């Protein structure tokens, strides 16, 4: 229902199912209902609820939940904006092999956001992400000639 694969796309129904499963402790559904609240897909946009759900997913060591806690901390969405804290969460996600966390961590290192600027470390994380097909990481490596 969320993507409309084999059925009519219905974000409201998808969000309802995600939330029910999330309340039962399903960490992937906690991540997805967080996404729904972050972007207003089938539910009213609510950064605090999004952050709460991402946190519950992260508490179960879900690499996507960890990535989005970092994202929310980076931008101050439902949490205090804190680049250093964002890097900590992104690092946890990246270390668990999450390509999005890896690319975001690379962005932090190449720009010195919440961490000392370090191109070699950025390239390392971009490569790990690019090896998993992340287009943003592939583009960043091309931009910096690596």
C-alpha atoms as a PDB file:
ATOM      1  CA  UNK A   1       0.000   0.000   0.000  1.00  0.00           C
ATOM      2  CA  UNK A   2       2.834   2.388   0.776  1.00  0.00           C
ATOM      3  CA  UNK A   3       4.410   2.079  -2.681  1.00  0.00           C
ATOM      4  CA  UNK A   4       1.329   0.834  -4.533  1.00  0.00           C
ATOM      5  CA  UNK A   5       2.984  -2.411  -5.640  1.00  0.00           C
ATOM      6  CA  UNK A   6       0.214  -4.786  -6.734  1.00  0.00           C
ATOM      7  CA  UNK A   7      -2.419  -2.615  -5.079  1.00  0.00           C
ATOM      8  CA  UNK A   8      -3.626   0.957  -4.983  1.00  0.00           C
ATOM      9  CA  UNK A   9      -1.254   3.287  -3.169  1.00  0.00           C
ATOM     10  CA  UNK A  10      -2.843   4.329   0.104  1.00  0.00           C
ATOM     11  CA  UNK A  11      -0.526   6.101   2.530  1.00  0.00           C
ATOM     12  CA  UNK A  12      -3.180   6.434   5.222  1.00  0.00           C
ATOM     13  CA  UNK A  13      -3.834   2.672   5.291  1.00  0.00           C
ATOM     14  CA  UNK A  14      -0.111   1.936   5.125  1.00  0.00           C
ATOM     15  CA  UNK A  15       0.568   4.310   8.019  1.00  0.00           C
ATOM     16  CA  UNK A  16      -2.161   2.618  10.059  1.00  0.00           C
ATOM     17  CA  UNK A  17      -0.606  -0.793   9.484  1.00  0.00           C
ATOM     18  CA  UNK A  18       2.897   0.502  10.219  1.00  0.00           C
ATOM     19  CA  UNK A  19       1.715   2.097  13.451  1.00  0.00           C
ATOM     20  CA  UNK A  20      -0.069  -1.048  14.607  1.00  0.00           C
ATOM     21  CA  UNK A  21       3.040  -3.154  13.965  1.00  0.00           C
ATOM     22  CA  UNK A  22       5.267  -0.456  15.467  1.00  0.00           C
ATOM     23  CA  UNK A  23       3.209  -0.510  18.664  1.00  0.00           C
ATOM     24  CA  UNK A  24       3.821  -4.274  18.755  1.00  0.00           C
ATOM     25  CA  UNK A  25       7.566  -3.548  18.758  1.00  0.00           C
ATOM     26  CA  UNK A  26       8.421  -4.253  15.095  1.00  0.00           C
ATOM     27  CA  UNK A  27      11.545  -2.144  14.516  1.00  0.00           C
ATOM     28  CA  UNK A  28      11.185  -1.845  10.717  1.00  0.00           C
ATOM     29  CA  UNK A  29       7.608  -0.634  11.150  1.00  0.00           C
ATOM     30  CA  UNK A  30       8.824   1.833  13.795  1.00  0.00           C
ATOM     31  CA  UNK A  31      11.211   3.200  11.177  1.00  0.00           C
ATOM     32  CA  UNK A  32       8.479   3.394   8.510  1.00  0.00           C
ATOM     33  CA  UNK A  33       5.864   5.075  10.719  1.00  0.00           C
ATOM     34  CA  UNK A  34       8.605   7.529  11.669  1.00  0.00           C
ATOM     35  CA  UNK A  35       9.060   8.275   7.961  1.00  0.00           C
ATOM     36  CA  UNK A  36       5.309   8.772   7.609  1.00  0.00           C
ATOM     37  CA  UNK A  37       5.267  11.323  10.430  1.00  0.00           C
ATOM     38  CA  UNK A  38       8.437  13.017   9.181  1.00  0.00           C
ATOM     39  CA  UNK A  39       6.985  13.681   5.734  1.00  0.00           C
ATOM     40  CA  UNK A  40       3.232  13.651   6.389  1.00  0.00           C
ATOM     41  CA  UNK A  41       2.552  10.460   4.403  1.00  0.00           C
ATOM     42  CA  UNK A  42      -0.917   9.304   5.457  1.00  0.00           C
ATOM     43  CA  UNK A  43      -0.675  11.072   8.823  1.00  0.00           C
ATOM     44  CA  UNK A  44      -0.186  14.717   9.808  1.00  0.00           C
ATOM     45  CA  UNK A  45       3.460  15.798   9.705  1.00  0.00           C
ATOM     46  CA  UNK A  46       4.830  15.618  13.245  1.00  0.00           C
ATOM     47  CA  UNK A  47       8.601  15.779  13.793  1.00  0.00           C
ATOM     48  CA  UNK A  48       8.364  14.886  17.477  1.00  0.00           C
ATOM     49  CA  UNK A  49       6.435  11.682  16.755  1.00  0.00           C
ATOM     50  CA  UNK A  50       8.806  10.869  13.898  1.00  0.00           C
ATOM     51  CA  UNK A  51      11.818  11.246  16.172  1.00  0.00           C
ATOM     52  CA  UNK A  52      10.140   9.170  18.880  1.00  0.00           C
ATOM     53  CA  UNK A  53       9.497   6.298  16.441  1.00  0.00           C
ATOM     54  CA  UNK A  54      12.989   6.490  14.963  1.00  0.00           C
ATOM     55  CA  UNK A  55      14.355   6.357  18.501  1.00  0.00           C
ATOM     56  CA  UNK A  56      12.353   3.211  19.283  1.00  0.00           C
ATOM     57  CA  UNK A  57      13.703   1.594  16.137  1.00  0.00           C
ATOM     58  CA  UNK A  58      17.244   2.702  16.986  1.00  0.00           C
ATOM     59  CA  UNK A  59      16.840   1.297  20.500  1.00  0.00           C
ATOM     60  CA  UNK A  60      16.493  -2.097  18.799  1.00  0.00           C
ATOM     61  CA  UNK A  61      19.727  -1.443  16.874  1.00  0.00           C
ATOM     62  CA  UNK A  62      17.921  -1.015  13.554  1.00  0.00           C
ATOM     63  CA  UNK A  63      20.443   0.610  11.189  1.00  0.00           C
ATOM     64  CA  UNK A  64      17.715   2.659   9.478  1.00  0.00           C
ATOM     65  CA  UNK A  65      16.363   3.900  12.791  1.00  0.00           C
ATOM     66  CA  UNK A  66      19.904   4.842  13.837  1.00  0.00           C
ATOM     67  CA  UNK A  67      20.405   6.704  10.545  1.00  0.00           C
ATOM     68  CA  UNK A  68      17.193   8.679  10.965  1.00  0.00           C
ATOM     69  CA  UNK A  69      17.903   9.593  14.593  1.00  0.00           C
ATOM     70  CA  UNK A  70      21.141  11.038  13.194  1.00  0.00           C
ATOM     71  CA  UNK A  71      19.247  12.803  10.416  1.00  0.00           C
ATOM     72  CA  UNK A  72      16.756  14.322  12.862  1.00  0.00           C
ATOM     73  CA  UNK A  73      19.570  15.397  15.197  1.00  0.00           C
ATOM     74  CA  UNK A  74      21.448  16.936  12.275  1.00  0.00           C
ATOM     75  CA  UNK A  75      18.486  19.097  11.211  1.00  0.00           C
ATOM     76  CA  UNK A  76      16.756  19.540  14.571  1.00  0.00           C
ATOM     77  CA  UNK A  77      13.587  17.721  13.510  1.00  0.00           C
ATOM     78  CA  UNK A  78      11.846  16.577  16.665  1.00  0.00           C
ATOM     79  CA  UNK A  79      15.157  16.844  18.505  1.00  0.00           C
ATOM     80  CA  UNK A  80      17.661  19.529  19.368  1.00  0.00           C
ATOM     81  CA  UNK A  81      19.907  20.315  16.411  1.00  0.00           C
ATOM     82  CA  UNK A  82      23.254  18.807  17.346  1.00  0.00           C
ATOM     83  CA  UNK A  83      25.744  17.924  14.589  1.00  0.00           C
ATOM     84  CA  UNK A  84      28.115  16.090  16.963  1.00  0.00           C
ATOM     85  CA  UNK A  85      25.277  13.906  18.259  1.00  0.00           C
ATOM     86  CA  UNK A  86      24.150  13.339  14.678  1.00  0.00           C
ATOM     87  CA  UNK A  87      27.614  12.045  13.794  1.00  0.00           C
ATOM     88  CA  UNK A  88      27.466   9.575  16.683  1.00  0.00           C
ATOM     89  CA  UNK A  89      24.157   8.155  15.467  1.00  0.00           C
ATOM     90  CA  UNK A  90      25.260   8.131  11.829  1.00  0.00           C
ATOM     91  CA  UNK A  91      28.432   6.308  12.839  1.00  0.00           C
ATOM     92  CA  UNK A  92      26.383   3.592  14.578  1.00  0.00           C
ATOM     93  CA  UNK A  93      24.260   3.201  11.460  1.00  0.00           C
ATOM     94  CA  UNK A  94      27.275   3.206   9.138  1.00  0.00           C
ATOM     95  CA  UNK A  95      29.114   0.624  11.229  1.00  0.00           C
ATOM     96  CA  UNK A  96      26.115  -1.669  10.879  1.00  0.00           C
ATOM     97  CA  UNK A  97      26.458  -1.431   7.089  1.00  0.00           C
ATOM     98  CA  UNK A  98      23.679   1.032   6.325  1.00  0.00           C
ATOM     99  CA  UNK A  99      24.525   2.712   3.002  1.00  0.00           C
ATOM    100  CA  UNK A 100      22.545   5.844   3.857  1.00  0.00           C
ATOM    101  CA  UNK A 101      24.273   6.221   7.213  1.00  0.00           C
ATOM    102  CA  UNK A 102      27.614   5.663   5.476  1.00  0.00           C
ATOM    103  CA  UNK A 103      26.976   8.345   2.852  1.00  0.00           C
ATOM    104  CA  UNK A 104      25.709  10.830   5.448  1.00  0.00           C
ATOM    105  CA  UNK A 105      28.745  10.139   7.615  1.00  0.00           C
ATOM    106  CA  UNK A 106      30.947  10.772   4.582  1.00  0.00           C
ATOM    107  CA  UNK A 107      29.172  14.105   4.100  1.00  0.00           C
ATOM    108  CA  UNK A 108      29.882  15.032   7.703  1.00  0.00           C
ATOM    109  CA  UNK A 109      33.569  14.215   7.380  1.00  0.00           C
ATOM    110  CA  UNK A 110      34.070  15.968   4.059  1.00  0.00           C
ATOM    111  CA  UNK A 111      32.364  19.129   5.336  1.00  0.00           C
ATOM    112  CA  UNK A 112      33.519  19.088   8.961  1.00  0.00           C
ATOM    113  CA  UNK A 113      29.941  18.908  10.271  1.00  0.00           C
ATOM    114  CA  UNK A 114      30.059  17.776  13.903  1.00  0.00           C
ATOM    115  CA  UNK A 115      33.478  16.224  13.398  1.00  0.00           C
ATOM    116  CA  UNK A 116      36.929  17.343  12.245  1.00  0.00           C
ATOM    117  CA  UNK A 117      37.155  17.576   8.462  1.00  0.00           C
ATOM    118  CA  UNK A 118      38.873  14.448   7.131  1.00  0.00           C
ATOM    119  CA  UNK A 119      38.738  13.694   3.411  1.00  0.00           C
ATOM    120  CA  UNK A 120      40.296  10.225   3.737  1.00  0.00           C
ATOM    121  CA  UNK A 121      37.668   9.145   6.247  1.00  0.00           C
ATOM    122  CA  UNK A 122      34.943  10.668   4.076  1.00  0.00           C
ATOM    123  CA  UNK A 123      36.198   8.735   1.051  1.00  0.00           C
ATOM    124  CA  UNK A 124      36.248   5.529   3.096  1.00  0.00           C
ATOM    125  CA  UNK A 125      32.592   5.925   4.061  1.00  0.00           C
ATOM    126  CA  UNK A 126      31.570   7.011   0.567  1.00  0.00           C
ATOM    127  CA  UNK A 127      33.232   3.903  -0.883  1.00  0.00           C
ATOM    128  CA  UNK A 128      31.408   1.610   1.529  1.00  0.00           C
ATOM    129  CA  UNK A 129      28.124   3.262   0.573  1.00  0.00           C
ATOM    130  CA  UNK A 130      28.937   3.329  -3.161  1.00  0.00           C
ATOM    131  CA  UNK A 131      29.804  -0.382  -3.040  1.00  0.00           C
ATOM    132  CA  UNK A 132      26.156  -0.915  -2.076  1.00  0.00           C
ATOM    133  CA  UNK A 133      24.952   1.168  -5.023  1.00  0.00           C
ATOM    134  CA  UNK A 134      24.146   4.432  -3.223  1.00  0.00           C
ATOM    135  CA  UNK A 135      23.972   6.980  -6.061  1.00  0.00           C
ATOM    136  CA  UNK A 136      24.740   9.959  -3.821  1.00  0.00           C
ATOM    137  CA  UNK A 137      27.958   8.351  -2.599  1.00  0.00           C
ATOM    138  CA  UNK A 138      28.944   7.408  -6.145  1.00  0.00           C
ATOM    139  CA  UNK A 139      28.398  11.017  -7.205  1.00  0.00           C
ATOM    140  CA  UNK A 140      30.392  12.400  -4.285  1.00  0.00           C
ATOM    141  CA  UNK A 141      33.349  10.127  -5.116  1.00  0.00           C
ATOM    142  CA  UNK A 142      33.246  11.334  -8.738  1.00  0.00           C
ATOM    143  CA  UNK A 143      33.115  14.967  -7.574  1.00  0.00           C
ATOM    144  CA  UNK A 144      36.228  14.594  -5.434  1.00  0.00           C
ATOM    145  CA  UNK A 145      38.053  12.509  -8.038  1.00  0.00           C
ATOM    146  CA  UNK A 146      38.158   9.243  -6.071  1.00  0.00           C
END
